[in-house]
Every structure is written in C-alpha cells, then in structure tokens.
Amino acid sequence: MRVVVALGGNAMLQRGEKPDADVQLANIRKAVKSLAPLAEQHEIVVTHGNGPQVGVLALQSAADKSLTIPYPFDVLGAETQGMIGYWLLQSLQNALPGRQVCALINQTLVSAADPAFDNPTKFVGTVYTEAEAKQVAEERGWVVKQDGQYWRRVVPSPRPRRVIETRLIRQLLASGAIAVCAGGGGVPVMRNELGQLVGVEAVVDKDLTASLLAEALEADALLLLTDVQRVMRNFGQSNAEEIRNATPAQLREEDFPAGSMGPKVDAVCHFVEMTGDMAAIGSLEQATEILAGKAGTIVTPSGQYPERGLL
C-alpha cells in the first residue's frame, strides 16, 4: 500500500515543553518507533507540522537587530523543513537500516485571492497567557487568538492548490525510498505575472496539503496522527463522545474548531470524497492499529472500515 502520514506538532513538541533541539529530537525518535512498522510493510510518505518551530524562528528573527526586517514566513518555513526533515531522515534511517530516506524542501502553490489572507486562523509559535499574548501582539503588530486555555499568534493559512515537487516525490517512491516532504504544509508560493514562483507571507495547513498530496500520489490511505485517540463530538462538553467511524457527509455536519480539528476533518473528508479510499485521524502511538481499522476515527465512503481490508 501507499500511505501518506501527517505527523502533528506533538510528534516533536508536547504542550509546555521547551522547544530545545534535544527535546524535539527525543520526541521524533519516539514517533519513528510508531512509523517504522508501517514503513516495513508499506510505501510511506511522511509530512509534518511546524507551528511551534516556525514560531520560535519568527521570534528570533524579529529580535535580531542585525536584520533590517525579519525573515518572511516562506523563508522560515523552508528553514523548519530542513531542520525537522533532518531529524526525521536520520531517525528513520537508524530505525530502518538499509532503507533509503529522502527529506525534501517543498513549495506549495496558493492563490493570491484566497480569503484566508483577510482572516488569519493558523496558530504558530509558543503559547502565552492572555495578558502576555496581547502585550506581544501590541509590541510586534501580531494577531493573536485563544487556543484552548492558552493564547497564540495566528497567521493567514491559504488553501493549498498543488505541491510543486509532486513528480519528484513520485519518482522517489518508485525507487523504493521513504519521502519526508511537504513539512509545515510546504513553503507557500504564488505565481507572478511572469509565471515565476515567489514566496508569500503565510503558513499552509499541513493536513490539507497532506490530503492534496495523497490524492495526487494516488495513495491508498491518509493518516493524520496527532495527540488524540479519536475525533470527539461536542469536545470539552459534558456530552462529548468519540466518533469511531463516519462518512465525509456525517463529519461535515459537525462543528469543529477552525484552528485545530476543523482542518483535519476537512482534509480527511476531501481525500475520501475525491478518491473513495480510507482516511483516519488518531493517536501517533496507534498508527498500525489505525491503518488496520482498530483505532482512531475511520472515514470511508460507507462510514465503515473497507470490507476488502487494507492489510
């Protein structure tokens, strides 16, 4: 099978942890223990988030007095792709001796007319108290919004239209390599009046890009792996309940937060609607069980795990 796996930010950094390199590398090594069994049996593509990492780099860049202006988000996104890609590349190579692994810098095409540029929703960077967030927003001209019990910076998150390097990724898979790509949703780019690619100040949602990429690569399954066991209906309320199986239509009837679970649900629904194959959201530690239909929230056209089986 060909499986596209999207790792949530928790694969590198748990809430409240210091974003030190050794902390993140230790978390990635744990994540790879869950991915290695999949890679031994299947053809996998690994994508990943970069919200905390790009936020840290943005703070460093803004505070660097040697710069005339801070580095833009497309550049910061490319930096995080290199850093996280290196950690994943090395960890996968160590876990799977003899297997070829390649980490790519990817660009993702977005539209200049995307309404997201007028309504920033994508959380990036570290968490703050409400008072801290409002103070730093005033000092740096940021937009901040509440993220659970914390507050974080938000930036525009236009919808991905195409992963520019899709053909190259397909060639790598054909050679038997594991591809680590489209980190952070890919570096956001547009085409100018000459048809040339130029970077744009935004962050693309990694789950939506993973869905787009999985469709383009004709993947058999899309797994969004995060720090929750399943998608919850009425999350945080007394009547909350797990969603074990669903059709795209059933999930779209629910109301999920735009800055967190909403894009994940949109991503799995889009993939299933476009391909008729399986997608799922669940815990990173249960990756193998999710692909077998024994854990996570399974999304299929019928709302049931495929009778033909995937394993």
Protein backbone atom coordinates (compact mmCIF):
# COMPACT_ATOMS: atom_id res chain seq x y z
CA MET A 1 0.00 0.00 0.00
CA ARG A 2 0.95 3.62 -0.43
CA VAL A 3 0.21 5.55 2.77
CA VAL A 4 0.60 9.29 3.40
CA VAL A 5 1.20 10.01 7.09
CA ALA A 6 0.85 13.52 8.53
CA LEU A 7 2.53 13.99 11.91
CA GLY A 8 1.04 16.54 14.26
CA GLY A 9 3.13 19.06 16.16
CA ASN A 10 3.04 16.82 19.22
CA ALA A 11 5.36 14.42 17.39
CA MET A 12 8.10 16.97 18.01
CA LEU A 13 6.95 19.09 20.92
CA GLN A 14 4.41 18.44 23.66
CA ARG A 15 2.48 21.38 25.08
CA GLY A 16 4.51 23.16 27.73
CA GLU A 17 7.85 21.65 26.66
CA LYS A 18 10.82 23.87 25.91
CA PRO A 19 11.49 23.93 22.15
CA ASP A 20 15.10 22.80 22.60
CA ALA A 21 16.67 20.69 19.88
CA ASP A 22 17.35 17.70 22.16
CA VAL A 23 13.73 17.68 23.38
CA GLN A 24 12.37 17.66 19.85
CA LEU A 25 14.79 15.03 18.62
CA ALA A 26 13.85 12.73 21.50
CA ASN A 27 10.16 13.13 20.61
CA ILE A 28 10.82 12.41 16.95
CA ARG A 29 12.70 9.24 17.83
CA LYS A 30 9.64 8.09 19.78
CA ALA A 31 7.42 8.96 16.82
CA VAL A 32 9.57 6.96 14.43
CA LYS A 33 9.10 3.87 16.61
CA SER A 34 5.42 4.05 15.64
CA LEU A 35 6.17 4.74 11.97
CA ALA A 36 8.81 2.07 11.43
CA PRO A 37 6.35 -0.88 11.44
CA LEU A 38 4.29 0.88 8.75
CA ALA A 39 7.38 1.57 6.66
CA GLU A 40 8.47 -2.08 6.89
CA GLN A 41 5.20 -3.24 5.30
CA HIS A 42 4.14 -0.31 3.13
CA GLU A 43 5.28 2.54 0.92
CA ILE A 44 5.05 5.65 3.09
CA VAL A 45 5.25 9.39 2.65
CA VAL A 46 5.77 11.41 5.82
CA THR A 47 4.63 15.01 6.23
CA HIS A 48 4.81 17.03 9.42
CA GLY A 49 3.72 20.19 11.17
CA ASN A 50 5.98 23.12 12.04
CA GLY A 51 3.84 25.54 14.07
CA PRO A 52 5.97 25.72 17.23
CA GLN A 53 9.24 25.68 15.29
CA VAL A 54 8.34 28.41 12.82
CA GLY A 55 7.05 30.49 15.71
CA VAL A 56 10.37 30.23 17.55
CA LEU A 57 12.30 31.21 14.43
CA ALA A 58 9.93 34.14 13.86
CA LEU A 59 10.63 35.41 17.38
CA GLN A 60 14.37 35.07 16.89
CA SER A 61 14.21 36.83 13.56
CA ALA A 62 12.09 39.68 14.95
CA ALA A 63 14.55 40.20 17.81
CA ASP A 64 17.67 40.11 15.63
CA LYS A 65 18.95 43.69 15.45
CA SER A 66 21.31 42.83 12.59
CA LEU A 67 18.30 42.39 10.26
CA THR A 68 16.63 45.34 8.56
CA ILE A 69 13.35 43.39 8.59
CA PRO A 70 12.55 39.91 10.00
CA TYR A 71 12.73 36.94 7.67
CA PRO A 72 9.37 36.28 5.94
CA PHE A 73 7.32 33.17 6.73
CA ASP A 74 8.12 31.39 3.48
CA VAL A 75 11.82 31.51 4.37
CA LEU A 76 11.14 30.44 7.96
CA GLY A 77 9.02 27.56 6.67
CA ALA A 78 11.89 26.38 4.48
CA GLU A 79 14.22 26.55 7.48
CA THR A 80 11.92 24.33 9.54
CA GLN A 81 11.58 21.85 6.67
CA GLY A 82 15.36 21.44 6.67
CA MET A 83 15.62 21.13 10.46
CA ILE A 84 12.72 18.75 11.04
CA GLY A 85 13.41 16.87 7.83
CA TYR A 86 16.95 16.20 9.04
CA TRP A 87 15.71 14.82 12.38
CA LEU A 88 13.13 12.57 10.68
CA LEU A 89 15.58 11.49 7.99
CA GLN A 90 18.21 10.43 10.49
CA SER A 91 15.75 8.76 12.87
CA LEU A 92 14.09 6.76 10.07
CA GLN A 93 17.48 5.67 8.69
CA ASN A 94 18.55 4.48 12.14
CA ALA A 95 15.27 2.63 12.70
CA LEU A 96 15.27 1.05 9.22
CA PRO A 97 18.88 0.12 8.32
CA GLY A 98 19.43 -0.14 4.60
CA ARG A 99 16.26 1.73 3.67
CA GLN A 100 16.73 4.87 1.60
CA VAL A 101 15.12 8.00 3.08
CA CYS A 102 14.98 11.43 1.46
CA ALA A 103 13.88 14.73 3.03
CA LEU A 104 12.75 17.39 0.56
CA ILE A 105 12.22 21.13 0.63
CA ASN A 106 8.76 21.55 -0.91
CA GLN A 107 6.82 24.51 -2.28
CA THR A 108 3.02 24.63 -2.16
CA LEU A 109 1.08 26.78 -4.60
CA VAL A 110 -1.63 29.03 -3.15
CA SER A 111 -3.97 31.63 -4.63
CA ALA A 112 -3.48 35.37 -4.12
CA ALA A 113 -7.28 35.69 -3.99
CA ASP A 114 -7.64 33.26 -1.07
CA PRO A 115 -9.89 34.84 1.61
CA ALA A 116 -7.60 33.47 4.32
CA PHE A 117 -5.31 36.45 3.83
CA ASP A 118 -8.05 38.62 5.35
CA ASN A 119 -8.78 36.26 8.26
CA PRO A 120 -5.68 34.75 9.94
CA THR A 121 -6.51 31.47 11.73
CA LYS A 122 -3.35 29.32 11.77
CA PHE A 123 -1.68 29.02 15.18
CA VAL A 124 2.12 29.32 15.19
CA GLY A 125 4.74 29.61 17.87
CA THR A 126 4.73 29.21 21.62
CA VAL A 127 1.76 29.61 23.95
CA TYR A 128 1.07 32.68 26.12
CA THR A 129 -1.33 33.76 28.80
CA GLU A 130 -3.98 36.18 27.57
CA ALA A 131 -2.13 39.16 29.05
CA GLU A 132 1.22 38.09 27.58
CA ALA A 133 -0.32 37.45 24.16
CA LYS A 134 -2.00 40.85 23.98
CA GLN A 135 1.19 42.58 25.06
CA VAL A 136 3.38 40.85 22.47
CA ALA A 137 0.71 41.45 19.81
CA GLU A 138 0.79 45.16 20.53
CA GLU A 139 4.59 45.26 20.51
CA ARG A 140 5.07 43.30 17.29
CA GLY A 141 1.87 44.01 15.36
CA TRP A 142 0.73 40.38 15.54
CA VAL A 143 -2.76 38.92 15.52
CA VAL A 144 -3.37 36.59 18.49
CA LYS A 145 -6.28 34.28 19.30
CA GLN A 146 -7.24 31.84 22.04
CA ASP A 147 -6.03 28.26 21.63
CA GLY A 148 -7.65 26.19 24.39
CA GLN A 149 -6.54 27.57 27.74
CA TYR A 150 -3.67 29.48 26.11
CA TRP A 151 -3.23 32.21 23.50
CA ARG A 152 -1.03 32.06 20.40
CA ARG A 153 -0.12 34.05 17.34
CA VAL A 154 -2.20 33.40 14.20
CA VAL A 155 -1.21 33.98 10.56
CA PRO A 156 -3.02 33.56 7.21
CA SER A 157 -3.45 29.96 6.09
CA PRO A 158 -4.49 29.87 2.40
CA ARG A 159 -5.73 26.59 0.94
CA PRO A 160 -3.08 24.54 -0.88
CA ARG A 161 -3.61 24.13 -4.60
CA ARG A 162 -0.64 22.00 -5.63
CA VAL A 163 2.63 20.63 -4.26
CA ILE A 164 5.14 21.82 -6.84
CA GLU A 165 7.51 18.86 -6.41
CA THR A 166 4.85 16.12 -6.68
CA ARG A 167 6.50 14.46 -9.69
CA LEU A 168 9.83 14.25 -7.87
CA ILE A 169 8.16 12.66 -4.83
CA ARG A 170 6.53 10.09 -7.11
CA GLN A 171 9.94 9.22 -8.58
CA LEU A 172 11.40 8.73 -5.10
CA LEU A 173 8.59 6.37 -4.15
CA ALA A 174 9.07 4.40 -7.36
CA SER A 175 12.71 3.89 -6.35
CA GLY A 176 11.66 2.40 -3.00
CA ALA A 177 12.64 5.40 -0.89
CA ILE A 178 10.72 6.88 2.03
CA ALA A 179 9.89 10.50 1.29
CA VAL A 180 9.78 13.11 4.05
CA CYS A 181 8.17 16.11 2.40
CA ALA A 182 5.66 18.98 2.47
CA GLY A 183 6.71 19.90 6.01
CA GLY A 184 4.54 22.56 7.57
CA GLY A 185 2.21 22.26 4.58
CA GLY A 186 5.01 23.28 2.24
CA VAL A 187 6.60 26.67 1.61
CA PRO A 188 3.72 28.89 0.40
CA VAL A 189 4.30 30.32 -3.06
CA MET A 190 2.34 32.11 -5.80
CA ARG A 191 2.99 32.74 -9.47
CA ASN A 192 3.76 36.31 -10.52
CA GLU A 193 2.80 37.99 -13.78
CA LEU A 194 5.70 36.21 -15.50
CA GLY A 195 4.58 32.81 -14.27
CA GLN A 196 7.51 32.58 -11.87
CA LEU A 197 7.19 31.27 -8.33
CA VAL A 198 7.56 33.74 -5.44
CA GLY A 199 7.19 33.21 -1.71
CA VAL A 200 4.25 34.59 0.26
CA GLU A 201 3.82 35.57 3.94
CA ALA A 202 1.61 32.74 5.20
CA VAL A 203 1.57 29.21 6.63
CA VAL A 204 -0.22 26.41 4.79
CA ASP A 205 -2.10 23.84 6.87
CA LYS A 206 -0.08 20.63 6.76
CA ASP A 207 -3.13 18.34 6.91
CA LEU A 208 -4.79 19.97 3.90
CA THR A 209 -1.52 19.70 1.99
CA ALA A 210 -1.17 16.06 3.03
CA SER A 211 -4.67 15.39 1.67
CA LEU A 212 -3.87 17.13 -1.61
CA LEU A 213 -0.58 15.26 -1.91
CA ALA A 214 -2.15 11.90 -1.06
CA GLU A 215 -4.71 12.41 -3.82
CA ALA A 216 -2.03 13.42 -6.34
CA LEU A 217 0.14 10.42 -5.42
CA GLU A 218 -2.84 8.03 -5.67
CA ALA A 219 -2.30 6.90 -2.08
CA ASP A 220 -4.38 4.06 -0.66
CA ALA A 221 -4.77 5.72 2.74
CA LEU A 222 -4.24 9.03 4.52
CA LEU A 223 -3.41 9.02 8.25
CA LEU A 224 -3.45 12.20 10.32
CA LEU A 225 -1.60 11.29 13.51
CA THR A 226 -1.87 13.59 16.49
CA ASP A 227 -2.26 13.53 20.29
CA VAL A 228 -5.93 12.49 20.42
CA GLN A 229 -7.30 8.94 20.30
CA ARG A 230 -10.28 9.87 18.13
CA VAL A 231 -12.24 12.87 16.89
CA MET A 232 -14.67 13.99 19.58
CA ARG A 233 -18.22 15.22 19.04
CA ASN A 234 -19.01 18.15 21.40
CA PHE A 235 -15.40 18.26 22.57
CA GLY A 236 -14.94 19.77 26.04
CA GLN A 237 -18.62 19.44 26.94
CA SER A 238 -20.41 17.06 29.30
CA ASN A 239 -22.00 15.26 26.34
CA ALA A 240 -18.73 14.70 24.46
CA GLU A 241 -18.41 11.37 22.64
CA GLU A 242 -15.90 9.64 20.40
CA ILE A 243 -16.52 9.27 16.68
CA ARG A 244 -15.22 5.85 15.66
CA ASN A 245 -16.47 5.62 12.06
CA ALA A 246 -18.02 8.22 9.78
CA THR A 247 -18.74 9.21 6.21
CA PRO A 248 -17.45 12.56 4.95
CA ALA A 249 -21.04 13.88 4.93
CA GLN A 250 -21.55 12.90 8.57
CA LEU A 251 -18.34 14.60 9.67
CA ARG A 252 -19.13 17.76 7.72
CA GLU A 253 -22.39 18.09 9.66
CA GLU A 254 -20.39 18.52 12.90
CA ASP A 255 -18.87 21.77 14.17
CA PHE A 256 -15.11 21.61 14.77
CA PRO A 257 -12.70 24.47 15.69
CA ALA A 258 -11.28 26.23 12.63
CA GLY A 259 -7.77 26.47 14.06
CA SER A 260 -7.31 22.86 15.18
CA MET A 261 -9.59 19.89 14.41
CA GLY A 262 -11.53 21.67 11.65
CA PRO A 263 -8.74 21.47 9.02
CA LYS A 264 -8.02 17.84 9.91
CA VAL A 265 -11.66 16.87 9.35
CA ASP A 266 -11.74 18.89 6.13
CA ALA A 267 -8.57 17.13 4.96
CA VAL A 268 -9.79 13.56 5.54
CA CYS A 269 -13.21 14.31 4.10
CA HIS A 270 -11.73 15.80 0.94
CA PHE A 271 -9.41 12.83 0.41
CA VAL A 272 -12.22 10.27 0.83
CA GLU A 273 -14.60 12.26 -1.37
CA MET A 274 -12.03 12.57 -4.16
CA THR A 275 -10.61 9.03 -4.07
CA GLY A 276 -13.12 6.71 -2.40
CA ASP A 277 -10.30 5.40 -0.22
CA MET A 278 -9.76 5.45 3.54
CA ALA A 279 -8.57 8.30 5.75
CA ALA A 280 -8.26 8.42 9.52
CA ILE A 281 -7.44 10.68 12.46
CA GLY A 282 -5.92 9.23 15.61
CA SER A 283 -3.03 8.80 18.00
CA LEU A 284 0.52 8.58 16.73
CA GLU A 285 1.23 5.66 19.07
CA GLN A 286 -1.58 3.67 17.39
CA ALA A 287 -0.53 4.19 13.77
CA THR A 288 -0.51 0.48 12.88
CA GLU A 289 -3.84 -0.14 14.61
CA ILE A 290 -5.41 2.84 12.84
CA LEU A 291 -4.41 1.55 9.42
CA ALA A 292 -5.94 -1.81 10.39
CA GLY A 293 -9.20 -0.08 11.34
CA LYS A 294 -8.85 -0.95 15.04
CA ALA A 295 -8.27 2.56 16.41
CA GLY A 296 -8.78 6.21 15.55
CA THR A 297 -11.66 7.81 13.66
CA ILE A 298 -12.03 5.94 10.37
CA VAL A 299 -13.52 7.87 7.43
CA THR A 300 -14.70 6.00 4.33
CA PRO A 301 -17.47 6.45 1.73
CA SER A 302 -19.66 3.95 3.61
CA GLY A 303 -18.57 5.00 7.08
CA GLN A 304 -17.16 1.54 7.79
CA TYR A 305 -13.70 0.03 7.55
CA PRO A 306 -13.23 -1.28 3.97
CA GLU A 307 -14.53 -4.85 3.79
CA ARG A 308 -11.80 -5.77 1.35
CA GLY A 309 -9.23 -4.94 4.02
CA LEU A 310 -6.19 -2.77 3.71
CA LEU A 311 -3.56 -5.01 5.30
